[in-house]
């Protein structure tokens, strides 16, 4: 019994010694503060034009810690060709950290659409009601085609018929009661009664 107690005492002493050693002062760690660029976009984040219109970029201004800095612009718009165009604006601070914002420019075919997508469409038996807001502009109340019982995750979006072939849902935030953001990756009109799209939504939907 005495030997065991001695061993325990020795272990306790070693533990105390290690604790004292581990609490010794270490070299100071240097730290610094980095300021990210703050980008302020003029005009609308989503711009919708008709084929042949003139696009004038309203631009973006950037500051770092309150001081103006240069902005790099990447992307162009060809209003003679219907489609979706992205313009990216970015600035990098002195520590190499980037900040970026994006403008979406939608160019619609100027001829009146020959396709009316208004009506109710079905995915796996689940209805998606499409309402025509204007020529080539629509609202869909269940873009993901979920069962209506899952009402908090139904995607209520505005979308565009670009040229009677392409469909596009521009990036929109909080389009469901649960707060899902969405944008279409691709979209096609099959015929008057059928269309399809691939959506980038959230982990709830997947792609």
N, C-alpha and C. Protein backbone atom coordinates (compact mmCIF):
# COMPACT_ATOMS: atom_id res chain seq x y z
N UNK A 1 0.84 -1.20 0.00
CA UNK A 1 0.00 0.00 0.00
C UNK A 1 0.87 1.24 0.00
N UNK A 2 1.96 1.25 0.79
CA UNK A 2 2.83 2.43 0.86
C UNK A 2 3.47 2.71 -0.50
N UNK A 3 3.85 1.63 -1.22
CA UNK A 3 4.46 1.81 -2.54
C UNK A 3 3.48 2.47 -3.49
N UNK A 4 2.25 2.05 -3.42
CA UNK A 4 1.24 2.63 -4.30
C UNK A 4 1.06 4.10 -4.00
N UNK A 5 1.04 4.45 -2.71
CA UNK A 5 0.89 5.86 -2.33
C UNK A 5 2.07 6.68 -2.80
N UNK A 6 3.27 6.08 -2.73
CA UNK A 6 4.45 6.81 -3.20
C UNK A 6 4.36 7.07 -4.71
N UNK A 7 3.91 6.05 -5.44
CA UNK A 7 3.77 6.22 -6.88
C UNK A 7 2.77 7.32 -7.19
N UNK A 8 1.68 7.35 -6.46
CA UNK A 8 0.67 8.38 -6.69
C UNK A 8 1.23 9.76 -6.39
N UNK A 9 2.02 9.86 -5.33
CA UNK A 9 2.63 11.14 -4.98
C UNK A 9 3.60 11.59 -6.07
N UNK A 10 4.35 10.64 -6.58
CA UNK A 10 5.31 10.96 -7.64
C UNK A 10 4.59 11.44 -8.89
N UNK A 11 3.48 10.76 -9.23
CA UNK A 11 2.70 11.17 -10.40
C UNK A 11 2.13 12.57 -10.20
N UNK A 12 1.64 12.85 -8.99
CA UNK A 12 1.09 14.17 -8.70
C UNK A 12 2.14 15.25 -8.84
N UNK A 13 3.34 15.00 -8.36
CA UNK A 13 4.43 15.98 -8.47
C UNK A 13 4.77 16.23 -9.93
N UNK A 14 4.84 15.14 -10.72
CA UNK A 14 5.15 15.29 -12.14
C UNK A 14 4.05 16.11 -12.84
N UNK A 15 2.80 15.85 -12.48
CA UNK A 15 1.69 16.58 -13.09
C UNK A 15 1.77 18.06 -12.78
N UNK A 16 2.09 18.38 -11.51
CA UNK A 16 2.24 19.79 -11.12
C UNK A 16 3.38 20.44 -11.88
N UNK A 17 4.49 19.70 -12.03
CA UNK A 17 5.64 20.23 -12.75
C UNK A 17 5.30 20.54 -14.20
N UNK A 18 4.54 19.62 -14.84
CA UNK A 18 4.14 19.85 -16.24
C UNK A 18 3.20 21.03 -16.35
N UNK A 19 2.28 21.15 -15.37
CA UNK A 19 1.35 22.26 -15.40
C UNK A 19 2.07 23.59 -15.29
N UNK A 20 3.08 23.64 -14.41
CA UNK A 20 3.85 24.88 -14.26
C UNK A 20 4.60 25.19 -15.54
N UNK A 21 5.17 24.15 -16.15
CA UNK A 21 5.90 24.36 -17.40
C UNK A 21 4.98 24.85 -18.51
N UNK A 22 3.77 24.26 -18.59
CA UNK A 22 2.85 24.62 -19.67
C UNK A 22 2.31 26.03 -19.52
N UNK A 23 2.38 26.58 -18.34
CA UNK A 23 1.86 27.93 -18.10
C UNK A 23 2.93 28.99 -18.25
N UNK A 24 4.12 28.62 -18.71
CA UNK A 24 5.18 29.60 -18.85
C UNK A 24 4.87 30.58 -19.97
N UNK A 25 5.47 31.75 -19.91
CA UNK A 25 5.25 32.78 -20.91
C UNK A 25 5.72 32.33 -22.28
N UNK A 26 4.94 32.71 -23.33
CA UNK A 26 5.32 32.40 -24.70
C UNK A 26 5.64 33.69 -25.42
N UNK A 27 6.28 33.55 -26.59
CA UNK A 27 6.58 34.73 -27.39
C UNK A 27 5.29 35.40 -27.83
N UNK A 28 5.27 36.70 -27.85
CA UNK A 28 4.09 37.46 -28.27
C UNK A 28 3.76 37.17 -29.73
N UNK A 29 2.48 37.07 -30.03
CA UNK A 29 2.02 36.84 -31.40
C UNK A 29 1.58 38.18 -31.99
N UNK A 30 2.14 38.54 -33.14
CA UNK A 30 1.77 39.79 -33.77
C UNK A 30 0.41 39.67 -34.45
N UNK A 31 -0.33 40.75 -34.50
CA UNK A 31 -1.63 40.77 -35.16
C UNK A 31 -1.79 42.09 -35.90
N UNK A 32 -2.68 42.07 -36.88
CA UNK A 32 -2.93 43.30 -37.65
C UNK A 32 -4.38 43.31 -38.09
N UNK A 33 -4.84 44.47 -38.50
CA UNK A 33 -6.21 44.65 -38.96
C UNK A 33 -6.18 44.88 -40.47
N UNK A 34 -7.05 44.18 -41.20
CA UNK A 34 -7.16 44.42 -42.64
C UNK A 34 -8.54 44.97 -42.95
N UNK A 35 -8.60 45.94 -43.84
CA UNK A 35 -9.87 46.54 -44.24
C UNK A 35 -10.23 46.06 -45.64
N UNK A 36 -11.42 45.51 -45.77
CA UNK A 36 -11.90 45.06 -47.08
C UNK A 36 -12.49 46.24 -47.85
N UNK A 37 -12.47 46.10 -49.16
CA UNK A 37 -13.09 47.12 -50.00
C UNK A 37 -14.61 47.06 -49.83
N UNK A 38 -15.23 48.23 -49.80
CA UNK A 38 -16.68 48.34 -49.77
C UNK A 38 -17.11 48.86 -51.13
N UNK A 39 -17.91 48.05 -51.85
CA UNK A 39 -18.33 48.39 -53.20
C UNK A 39 -19.76 48.90 -53.19
N UNK A 40 -19.97 50.05 -53.80
CA UNK A 40 -21.29 50.69 -53.84
C UNK A 40 -21.74 50.75 -55.30
N UNK A 41 -22.76 49.95 -55.64
CA UNK A 41 -23.23 49.87 -57.01
C UNK A 41 -24.27 50.95 -57.30
N UNK A 42 -24.04 51.72 -58.33
CA UNK A 42 -25.03 52.70 -58.79
C UNK A 42 -26.03 51.99 -59.70
N UNK A 43 -27.26 52.48 -59.75
CA UNK A 43 -28.27 51.87 -60.61
C UNK A 43 -28.78 50.55 -60.05
N UNK A 44 -29.49 49.81 -60.88
CA UNK A 44 -30.12 48.57 -60.45
C UNK A 44 -29.17 47.39 -60.59
N UNK A 45 -29.26 46.46 -59.64
CA UNK A 45 -28.45 45.25 -59.71
C UNK A 45 -28.89 44.37 -60.87
N UNK A 46 -30.19 44.39 -61.20
CA UNK A 46 -30.71 43.66 -62.35
C UNK A 46 -31.32 44.66 -63.32
N UNK A 47 -30.80 44.70 -64.54
CA UNK A 47 -31.27 45.62 -65.57
C UNK A 47 -31.88 44.82 -66.71
N UNK A 48 -33.10 45.18 -67.11
CA UNK A 48 -33.78 44.48 -68.20
C UNK A 48 -33.93 45.44 -69.38
N UNK A 49 -33.42 45.02 -70.55
CA UNK A 49 -33.45 45.84 -71.76
C UNK A 49 -34.10 45.06 -72.89
N UNK A 50 -34.52 45.78 -73.90
CA UNK A 50 -34.97 45.16 -75.14
C UNK A 50 -33.85 45.18 -76.17
N UNK A 51 -33.85 44.21 -77.02
CA UNK A 51 -32.87 44.13 -78.10
C UNK A 51 -32.78 45.46 -78.83
N UNK A 52 -31.54 45.97 -79.00
CA UNK A 52 -31.33 47.22 -79.70
C UNK A 52 -31.28 48.43 -78.78
N UNK A 53 -31.66 48.28 -77.50
CA UNK A 53 -31.56 49.40 -76.56
C UNK A 53 -30.09 49.73 -76.31
N UNK A 54 -29.86 50.90 -75.75
CA UNK A 54 -28.51 51.31 -75.37
C UNK A 54 -28.29 51.03 -73.89
N UNK A 55 -27.19 50.39 -73.59
CA UNK A 55 -26.84 50.15 -72.19
C UNK A 55 -25.70 51.07 -71.78
N UNK A 56 -25.93 51.85 -70.76
CA UNK A 56 -24.88 52.68 -70.17
C UNK A 56 -24.63 52.20 -68.76
N UNK A 57 -23.44 51.74 -68.51
CA UNK A 57 -23.11 51.18 -67.20
C UNK A 57 -23.07 52.29 -66.15
N UNK A 58 -23.93 52.23 -65.13
CA UNK A 58 -23.91 53.26 -64.08
C UNK A 58 -22.65 53.20 -63.23
N UNK A 59 -21.99 52.04 -63.23
CA UNK A 59 -20.72 51.93 -62.54
C UNK A 59 -20.83 51.57 -61.07
N UNK A 60 -19.66 51.43 -60.47
CA UNK A 60 -19.52 51.08 -59.06
C UNK A 60 -18.37 51.90 -58.49
N UNK A 61 -18.53 52.37 -57.27
CA UNK A 61 -17.44 53.04 -56.56
C UNK A 61 -16.99 52.15 -55.41
N UNK A 62 -15.72 52.28 -55.04
CA UNK A 62 -15.17 51.44 -53.97
C UNK A 62 -14.34 52.28 -53.02
N UNK A 63 -14.41 51.93 -51.75
CA UNK A 63 -13.58 52.56 -50.73
C UNK A 63 -12.98 51.49 -49.83
N UNK A 64 -11.82 51.80 -49.29
CA UNK A 64 -11.19 50.97 -48.27
C UNK A 64 -10.86 51.87 -47.09
N UNK A 65 -11.46 51.57 -45.96
CA UNK A 65 -11.30 52.39 -44.75
C UNK A 65 -11.63 53.85 -45.04
N UNK A 66 -12.66 54.04 -45.87
CA UNK A 66 -13.13 55.40 -46.17
C UNK A 66 -12.41 56.09 -47.30
N UNK A 67 -11.37 55.48 -47.86
CA UNK A 67 -10.60 56.10 -48.94
C UNK A 67 -10.96 55.45 -50.27
N UNK A 68 -11.17 56.26 -51.34
CA UNK A 68 -11.52 55.69 -52.65
C UNK A 68 -10.39 54.85 -53.23
N UNK A 69 -10.77 53.76 -53.89
CA UNK A 69 -9.79 52.88 -54.53
C UNK A 69 -10.31 52.52 -55.93
N UNK A 70 -9.42 51.95 -56.74
CA UNK A 70 -9.78 51.58 -58.10
C UNK A 70 -10.70 50.37 -58.12
N UNK A 71 -11.51 50.30 -59.17
CA UNK A 71 -12.43 49.19 -59.37
C UNK A 71 -12.10 48.54 -60.71
N UNK A 72 -11.99 47.22 -60.73
CA UNK A 72 -11.78 46.46 -61.96
C UNK A 72 -13.13 45.97 -62.47
N UNK A 73 -13.39 46.19 -63.76
CA UNK A 73 -14.67 45.80 -64.37
C UNK A 73 -14.42 44.66 -65.34
N UNK A 74 -15.19 43.60 -65.21
CA UNK A 74 -15.04 42.42 -66.08
C UNK A 74 -16.41 42.06 -66.64
N UNK A 75 -16.56 42.12 -67.96
CA UNK A 75 -17.82 41.76 -68.60
C UNK A 75 -18.33 42.87 -69.50
N UNK A 76 -19.02 42.50 -70.57
CA UNK A 76 -19.58 43.46 -71.50
C UNK A 76 -21.02 43.06 -71.83
N UNK A 77 -21.75 43.99 -72.44
CA UNK A 77 -23.14 43.75 -72.81
C UNK A 77 -23.30 44.02 -74.30
N UNK A 78 -23.88 43.07 -75.02
CA UNK A 78 -24.18 43.23 -76.44
C UNK A 78 -25.70 43.28 -76.59
N UNK A 79 -26.25 44.48 -76.67
CA UNK A 79 -27.71 44.61 -76.73
C UNK A 79 -28.28 44.22 -78.09
N UNK A 80 -27.43 43.90 -79.05
CA UNK A 80 -27.93 43.42 -80.34
C UNK A 80 -28.24 41.93 -80.32
N UNK A 81 -27.85 41.26 -79.23
CA UNK A 81 -28.06 39.82 -79.11
C UNK A 81 -28.80 39.51 -77.82
N UNK A 82 -30.03 39.01 -77.91
CA UNK A 82 -30.76 38.65 -76.68
C UNK A 82 -29.98 37.64 -75.85
N UNK A 83 -30.02 37.82 -74.56
CA UNK A 83 -29.31 36.91 -73.67
C UNK A 83 -29.14 37.52 -72.29
N UNK A 84 -28.34 36.86 -71.47
CA UNK A 84 -28.06 37.30 -70.10
C UNK A 84 -26.58 37.62 -69.99
N UNK A 85 -26.28 38.81 -69.51
CA UNK A 85 -24.91 39.28 -69.42
C UNK A 85 -24.57 39.64 -67.97
N UNK A 86 -23.39 39.19 -67.54
CA UNK A 86 -22.92 39.49 -66.18
C UNK A 86 -21.77 40.48 -66.25
N UNK A 87 -21.82 41.47 -65.38
CA UNK A 87 -20.71 42.40 -65.22
C UNK A 87 -20.24 42.30 -63.77
N UNK A 88 -18.97 42.01 -63.58
CA UNK A 88 -18.40 41.88 -62.24
C UNK A 88 -17.48 43.08 -61.95
N UNK A 89 -17.63 43.61 -60.76
CA UNK A 89 -16.80 44.73 -60.31
C UNK A 89 -16.04 44.27 -59.07
N UNK A 90 -14.75 44.53 -59.04
CA UNK A 90 -13.97 44.03 -57.92
C UNK A 90 -12.87 45.01 -57.51
N UNK A 91 -12.47 44.89 -56.26
CA UNK A 91 -11.32 45.62 -55.72
C UNK A 91 -10.59 44.70 -54.76
N UNK A 92 -9.27 44.85 -54.69
CA UNK A 92 -8.45 44.02 -53.81
C UNK A 92 -7.70 44.93 -52.84
N UNK A 93 -7.71 44.59 -51.56
CA UNK A 93 -7.00 45.43 -50.60
C UNK A 93 -5.51 45.10 -50.58
N UNK A 94 -4.76 45.83 -49.78
CA UNK A 94 -3.30 45.70 -49.80
C UNK A 94 -2.82 44.34 -49.28
N UNK A 95 -3.70 43.62 -48.59
CA UNK A 95 -3.34 42.29 -48.10
C UNK A 95 -3.78 41.19 -49.06
N UNK A 96 -4.33 41.59 -50.22
CA UNK A 96 -4.70 40.62 -51.24
C UNK A 96 -6.08 40.02 -51.10
N UNK A 97 -6.92 40.61 -50.23
CA UNK A 97 -8.27 40.09 -50.06
C UNK A 97 -9.22 40.81 -51.02
N UNK A 98 -9.97 40.03 -51.84
CA UNK A 98 -10.85 40.65 -52.84
C UNK A 98 -12.26 40.91 -52.31
N UNK A 99 -12.94 41.85 -52.94
CA UNK A 99 -14.37 42.08 -52.74
C UNK A 99 -14.98 42.25 -54.12
N UNK A 100 -16.20 41.73 -54.31
CA UNK A 100 -16.79 41.72 -55.66
C UNK A 100 -18.30 41.87 -55.58
N UNK A 101 -18.87 42.57 -56.56
CA UNK A 101 -20.32 42.62 -56.74
C UNK A 101 -20.61 42.34 -58.21
N UNK A 102 -21.86 41.97 -58.48
CA UNK A 102 -22.25 41.54 -59.82
C UNK A 102 -23.51 42.26 -60.27
N UNK A 103 -23.50 42.72 -61.51
CA UNK A 103 -24.69 43.28 -62.13
C UNK A 103 -25.16 42.31 -63.22
N UNK A 104 -26.47 42.07 -63.28
CA UNK A 104 -27.06 41.19 -64.29
C UNK A 104 -27.82 42.05 -65.29
N UNK A 105 -27.50 41.90 -66.56
CA UNK A 105 -28.20 42.63 -67.61
C UNK A 105 -28.91 41.61 -68.50
N UNK A 106 -30.23 41.73 -68.58
CA UNK A 106 -31.05 40.82 -69.37
C UNK A 106 -31.49 41.56 -70.63
N UNK A 107 -31.17 41.00 -71.79
CA UNK A 107 -31.58 41.59 -73.06
C UNK A 107 -32.64 40.69 -73.68
N UNK A 108 -33.86 41.22 -73.81
CA UNK A 108 -34.99 40.47 -74.35
C UNK A 108 -35.13 40.73 -75.85
N UNK A 109 -35.53 39.71 -76.58
CA UNK A 109 -35.80 39.89 -78.00
C UNK A 109 -36.88 40.96 -78.18
N UNK A 110 -36.68 41.84 -79.15
CA UNK A 110 -37.58 42.98 -79.31
C UNK A 110 -38.92 42.60 -79.94
N UNK A 111 -38.96 41.55 -80.75
CA UNK A 111 -40.22 41.11 -81.36
C UNK A 111 -41.16 40.58 -80.27
N UNK A 112 -42.46 40.82 -80.40
CA UNK A 112 -43.41 40.26 -79.43
C UNK A 112 -43.28 38.74 -79.39
N UNK A 113 -43.41 38.19 -78.20
CA UNK A 113 -43.28 36.74 -78.04
C UNK A 113 -44.42 36.01 -78.74
N UNK A 114 -44.08 34.89 -79.37
CA UNK A 114 -45.09 34.04 -80.00
C UNK A 114 -45.53 32.91 -79.05
N UNK A 115 -44.99 32.91 -77.84
CA UNK A 115 -45.28 31.87 -76.86
C UNK A 115 -45.87 32.51 -75.61
N UNK A 116 -47.01 32.01 -75.18
CA UNK A 116 -47.61 32.47 -73.93
C UNK A 116 -47.52 31.34 -72.91
N UNK A 117 -46.70 31.53 -71.89
CA UNK A 117 -46.47 30.47 -70.91
C UNK A 117 -47.42 30.55 -69.72
N UNK A 118 -48.41 31.41 -69.80
CA UNK A 118 -49.34 31.52 -68.68
C UNK A 118 -50.14 30.23 -68.54
N UNK A 119 -50.33 29.79 -67.31
CA UNK A 119 -51.09 28.58 -67.06
C UNK A 119 -50.52 27.81 -65.89
N UNK A 120 -50.95 26.58 -65.75
CA UNK A 120 -50.47 25.72 -64.67
C UNK A 120 -49.69 24.56 -65.26
N UNK A 121 -48.46 24.41 -64.78
CA UNK A 121 -47.56 23.36 -65.23
C UNK A 121 -47.31 22.41 -64.06
N UNK A 122 -46.92 21.19 -64.36
CA UNK A 122 -46.78 20.19 -63.32
C UNK A 122 -45.41 19.53 -63.36
N UNK A 123 -44.87 19.31 -62.16
CA UNK A 123 -43.64 18.53 -61.99
C UNK A 123 -43.93 17.46 -60.94
N UNK A 124 -43.82 16.21 -61.34
CA UNK A 124 -44.14 15.10 -60.43
C UNK A 124 -45.55 15.24 -59.84
N UNK A 125 -46.46 15.79 -60.64
CA UNK A 125 -47.83 15.96 -60.19
C UNK A 125 -48.07 17.20 -59.35
N UNK A 126 -47.03 17.99 -59.10
CA UNK A 126 -47.16 19.18 -58.26
C UNK A 126 -47.33 20.42 -59.15
N UNK A 127 -48.36 21.24 -58.90
CA UNK A 127 -48.65 22.37 -59.79
C UNK A 127 -47.73 23.57 -59.57
N UNK A 128 -47.39 24.22 -60.66
CA UNK A 128 -46.64 25.48 -60.66
C UNK A 128 -47.45 26.45 -61.52
N UNK A 129 -48.07 27.42 -60.88
CA UNK A 129 -48.93 28.36 -61.61
C UNK A 129 -48.11 29.55 -62.11
N UNK A 130 -48.16 29.78 -63.41
CA UNK A 130 -47.40 30.84 -64.06
C UNK A 130 -48.36 31.96 -64.47
N UNK A 131 -48.04 33.17 -64.07
CA UNK A 131 -48.84 34.35 -64.40
C UNK A 131 -48.04 35.28 -65.29
N UNK A 132 -48.64 35.75 -66.36
CA UNK A 132 -47.96 36.67 -67.29
C UNK A 132 -48.08 38.09 -66.75
N UNK A 133 -46.94 38.74 -66.51
CA UNK A 133 -46.91 40.11 -66.00
C UNK A 133 -46.80 41.12 -67.13
N UNK A 134 -46.10 40.76 -68.18
CA UNK A 134 -45.91 41.59 -69.37
C UNK A 134 -45.36 40.68 -70.45
N UNK A 135 -45.22 41.20 -71.67
CA UNK A 135 -44.66 40.37 -72.72
C UNK A 135 -43.26 39.91 -72.31
N UNK A 136 -43.04 38.61 -72.24
CA UNK A 136 -41.78 37.97 -71.88
C UNK A 136 -41.46 38.03 -70.38
N UNK A 137 -42.36 38.51 -69.56
CA UNK A 137 -42.12 38.58 -68.11
C UNK A 137 -43.22 37.80 -67.38
N UNK A 138 -42.80 36.89 -66.49
CA UNK A 138 -43.75 36.00 -65.82
C UNK A 138 -43.44 35.86 -64.33
N UNK A 139 -44.45 35.41 -63.61
CA UNK A 139 -44.30 35.05 -62.20
C UNK A 139 -44.68 33.58 -62.06
N UNK A 140 -43.87 32.81 -61.33
CA UNK A 140 -44.16 31.40 -61.04
C UNK A 140 -44.22 31.23 -59.53
N UNK A 141 -45.25 30.52 -59.05
CA UNK A 141 -45.43 30.43 -57.60
C UNK A 141 -44.85 29.15 -56.99
N UNK A 142 -44.30 28.26 -57.82
CA UNK A 142 -43.70 27.02 -57.30
C UNK A 142 -42.63 26.54 -58.27
N UNK A 143 -41.61 27.37 -58.45
CA UNK A 143 -40.59 27.10 -59.47
C UNK A 143 -39.87 25.78 -59.26
N UNK A 144 -39.78 25.31 -58.01
CA UNK A 144 -39.09 24.05 -57.75
C UNK A 144 -39.97 22.83 -57.88
N UNK A 145 -41.28 23.04 -58.08
CA UNK A 145 -42.19 21.93 -58.28
C UNK A 145 -42.37 21.04 -57.07
N UNK A 146 -42.42 21.65 -55.86
CA UNK A 146 -42.63 20.87 -54.64
C UNK A 146 -44.12 20.62 -54.42
N UNK A 147 -44.41 19.68 -53.53
CA UNK A 147 -45.78 19.47 -53.10
C UNK A 147 -46.26 20.73 -52.38
N UNK A 148 -47.51 21.13 -52.61
CA UNK A 148 -48.03 22.37 -52.03
C UNK A 148 -48.07 22.31 -50.51
N UNK A 149 -48.07 21.12 -49.95
CA UNK A 149 -48.05 20.99 -48.49
C UNK A 149 -46.75 21.51 -47.88
N UNK A 150 -45.69 21.56 -48.71
CA UNK A 150 -44.40 22.10 -48.24
C UNK A 150 -44.37 23.59 -48.52
N UNK A 151 -45.38 24.30 -48.02
CA UNK A 151 -45.60 25.69 -48.42
C UNK A 151 -44.48 26.63 -48.04
N UNK A 152 -43.72 26.34 -46.99
CA UNK A 152 -42.67 27.27 -46.57
C UNK A 152 -41.47 27.28 -47.52
N UNK A 153 -41.35 26.26 -48.37
CA UNK A 153 -40.21 26.17 -49.28
C UNK A 153 -40.58 26.34 -50.75
N UNK A 154 -41.80 26.75 -51.05
CA UNK A 154 -42.20 26.99 -52.43
C UNK A 154 -41.51 28.25 -52.94
N UNK A 155 -40.96 28.18 -54.15
CA UNK A 155 -40.21 29.30 -54.73
C UNK A 155 -41.13 30.16 -55.59
N UNK A 156 -41.33 31.40 -55.17
CA UNK A 156 -42.17 32.35 -55.90
C UNK A 156 -41.24 33.34 -56.61
N UNK A 157 -41.08 33.20 -57.92
CA UNK A 157 -40.04 33.92 -58.65
C UNK A 157 -40.59 34.67 -59.86
N UNK A 158 -39.84 35.70 -60.25
CA UNK A 158 -40.06 36.36 -61.53
C UNK A 158 -39.08 35.76 -62.53
N UNK A 159 -39.55 35.47 -63.75
CA UNK A 159 -38.63 34.95 -64.76
C UNK A 159 -38.94 35.56 -66.12
N UNK A 160 -38.00 35.35 -67.05
CA UNK A 160 -38.06 36.02 -68.36
C UNK A 160 -37.96 35.01 -69.49
N UNK A 161 -38.77 35.23 -70.52
CA UNK A 161 -38.66 34.52 -71.79
C UNK A 161 -37.74 35.37 -72.67
N UNK A 162 -36.50 34.94 -72.81
CA UNK A 162 -35.50 35.75 -73.50
C UNK A 162 -35.80 35.89 -74.99
N UNK A 163 -36.04 34.76 -75.67
CA UNK A 163 -36.16 34.80 -77.13
C UNK A 163 -37.05 33.69 -77.66
N UNK A 164 -38.03 33.26 -76.87
CA UNK A 164 -38.93 32.15 -77.18
C UNK A 164 -38.21 30.80 -77.17
N UNK A 165 -36.97 30.79 -76.73
CA UNK A 165 -36.22 29.54 -76.55
C UNK A 165 -35.60 29.46 -75.15
N UNK A 166 -35.00 30.56 -74.71
CA UNK A 166 -34.33 30.58 -73.41
C UNK A 166 -35.24 31.18 -72.33
N UNK A 167 -35.21 30.57 -71.15
CA UNK A 167 -35.84 31.12 -69.97
C UNK A 167 -34.77 31.48 -68.95
N UNK A 168 -35.01 32.50 -68.15
CA UNK A 168 -34.02 32.87 -67.14
C UNK A 168 -34.71 33.42 -65.90
N UNK A 169 -34.33 32.86 -64.75
CA UNK A 169 -34.71 33.40 -63.45
C UNK A 169 -33.49 34.14 -62.91
N UNK A 170 -33.51 35.47 -62.86
CA UNK A 170 -32.36 36.19 -62.31
C UNK A 170 -32.24 35.94 -60.81
N UNK A 171 -31.07 36.14 -60.28
CA UNK A 171 -30.84 35.91 -58.85
C UNK A 171 -31.82 36.73 -58.02
N UNK A 172 -32.55 36.03 -57.16
CA UNK A 172 -33.54 36.66 -56.29
C UNK A 172 -33.40 36.10 -54.88
N UNK A 173 -33.53 36.98 -53.89
CA UNK A 173 -33.35 36.60 -52.49
C UNK A 173 -34.70 36.40 -51.82
N UNK A 174 -34.72 35.48 -50.86
CA UNK A 174 -35.89 35.26 -50.00
C UNK A 174 -37.17 35.05 -50.80
N UNK A 175 -37.12 34.13 -51.75
CA UNK A 175 -38.29 33.89 -52.61
C UNK A 175 -39.24 32.85 -52.01
N UNK A 176 -38.90 32.34 -50.84
CA UNK A 176 -39.78 31.41 -50.13
C UNK A 176 -39.98 31.93 -48.71
N UNK A 177 -40.98 31.39 -48.05
CA UNK A 177 -41.23 31.77 -46.66
C UNK A 177 -40.03 31.43 -45.79
N UNK A 178 -39.33 30.35 -46.13
CA UNK A 178 -38.16 29.93 -45.36
C UNK A 178 -36.90 30.73 -45.71
N UNK A 179 -36.98 31.63 -46.69
CA UNK A 179 -35.85 32.51 -46.99
C UNK A 179 -34.85 31.98 -47.98
N UNK A 180 -35.27 31.17 -48.95
CA UNK A 180 -34.36 30.60 -49.94
C UNK A 180 -34.05 31.62 -51.04
N UNK A 181 -32.78 31.68 -51.45
CA UNK A 181 -32.35 32.47 -52.60
C UNK A 181 -32.26 31.55 -53.81
N UNK A 182 -32.48 32.10 -55.01
CA UNK A 182 -32.51 31.22 -56.18
C UNK A 182 -32.06 31.97 -57.43
N UNK A 183 -31.52 31.22 -58.38
CA UNK A 183 -31.21 31.71 -59.73
C UNK A 183 -31.21 30.50 -60.64
N UNK A 184 -31.64 30.68 -61.88
CA UNK A 184 -31.60 29.54 -62.81
C UNK A 184 -30.21 29.43 -63.43
N UNK A 185 -29.75 28.20 -63.57
CA UNK A 185 -28.49 27.92 -64.26
C UNK A 185 -28.74 27.82 -65.75
N UNK A 186 -29.88 27.23 -66.11
CA UNK A 186 -30.29 27.13 -67.50
C UNK A 186 -31.81 27.03 -67.54
N UNK A 187 -32.39 27.31 -68.71
CA UNK A 187 -33.83 27.19 -68.88
C UNK A 187 -34.19 27.20 -70.35
N UNK A 188 -35.10 26.30 -70.74
CA UNK A 188 -35.49 26.19 -72.15
C UNK A 188 -37.01 26.06 -72.27
N UNK A 189 -37.54 26.67 -73.33
CA UNK A 189 -38.93 26.47 -73.70
C UNK A 189 -38.98 25.30 -74.67
N UNK A 190 -39.73 24.26 -74.32
CA UNK A 190 -39.88 23.11 -75.21
C UNK A 190 -40.97 23.39 -76.23
N UNK A 191 -42.12 23.84 -75.74
CA UNK A 191 -43.22 24.27 -76.60
C UNK A 191 -44.19 25.09 -75.75
N UNK A 192 -45.33 25.43 -76.29
CA UNK A 192 -46.30 26.26 -75.60
C UNK A 192 -46.70 25.67 -74.23
N UNK A 193 -46.65 24.36 -74.12
CA UNK A 193 -47.15 23.70 -72.93
C UNK A 193 -46.07 23.05 -72.06
N UNK A 194 -44.81 23.31 -72.38
CA UNK A 194 -43.75 22.65 -71.63
C UNK A 194 -42.48 23.50 -71.61
N UNK A 195 -41.88 23.59 -70.46
CA UNK A 195 -40.56 24.23 -70.34
C UNK A 195 -39.81 23.53 -69.21
N UNK A 196 -38.51 23.76 -69.15
CA UNK A 196 -37.71 23.19 -68.06
C UNK A 196 -36.61 24.17 -67.68
N UNK A 197 -36.14 24.02 -66.46
CA UNK A 197 -35.00 24.82 -66.01
C UNK A 197 -34.24 24.06 -64.94
N UNK A 198 -33.00 24.46 -64.78
CA UNK A 198 -32.15 23.95 -63.70
C UNK A 198 -31.90 25.13 -62.76
N UNK A 199 -32.17 24.91 -61.47
CA UNK A 199 -32.10 26.01 -60.51
C UNK A 199 -30.93 25.82 -59.55
N UNK A 200 -30.31 26.92 -59.20
CA UNK A 200 -29.37 26.94 -58.09
C UNK A 200 -30.11 27.57 -56.92
N UNK A 201 -30.47 26.73 -55.94
CA UNK A 201 -31.27 27.23 -54.83
C UNK A 201 -30.49 27.05 -53.54
N UNK A 202 -30.80 26.01 -52.76
CA UNK A 202 -30.12 25.81 -51.50
C UNK A 202 -29.98 24.32 -51.26
N UNK A 203 -29.37 23.98 -50.13
CA UNK A 203 -29.18 22.57 -49.83
C UNK A 203 -30.52 21.85 -49.68
N UNK A 204 -31.58 22.59 -49.40
CA UNK A 204 -32.89 21.95 -49.28
C UNK A 204 -33.30 21.34 -50.63
N UNK A 205 -33.08 22.09 -51.69
CA UNK A 205 -33.45 21.63 -53.03
C UNK A 205 -32.35 20.80 -53.67
N UNK A 206 -31.11 21.11 -53.35
CA UNK A 206 -30.03 20.62 -54.18
C UNK A 206 -30.06 21.45 -55.46
N UNK A 207 -29.53 20.91 -56.55
CA UNK A 207 -29.62 21.60 -57.83
C UNK A 207 -30.75 20.98 -58.63
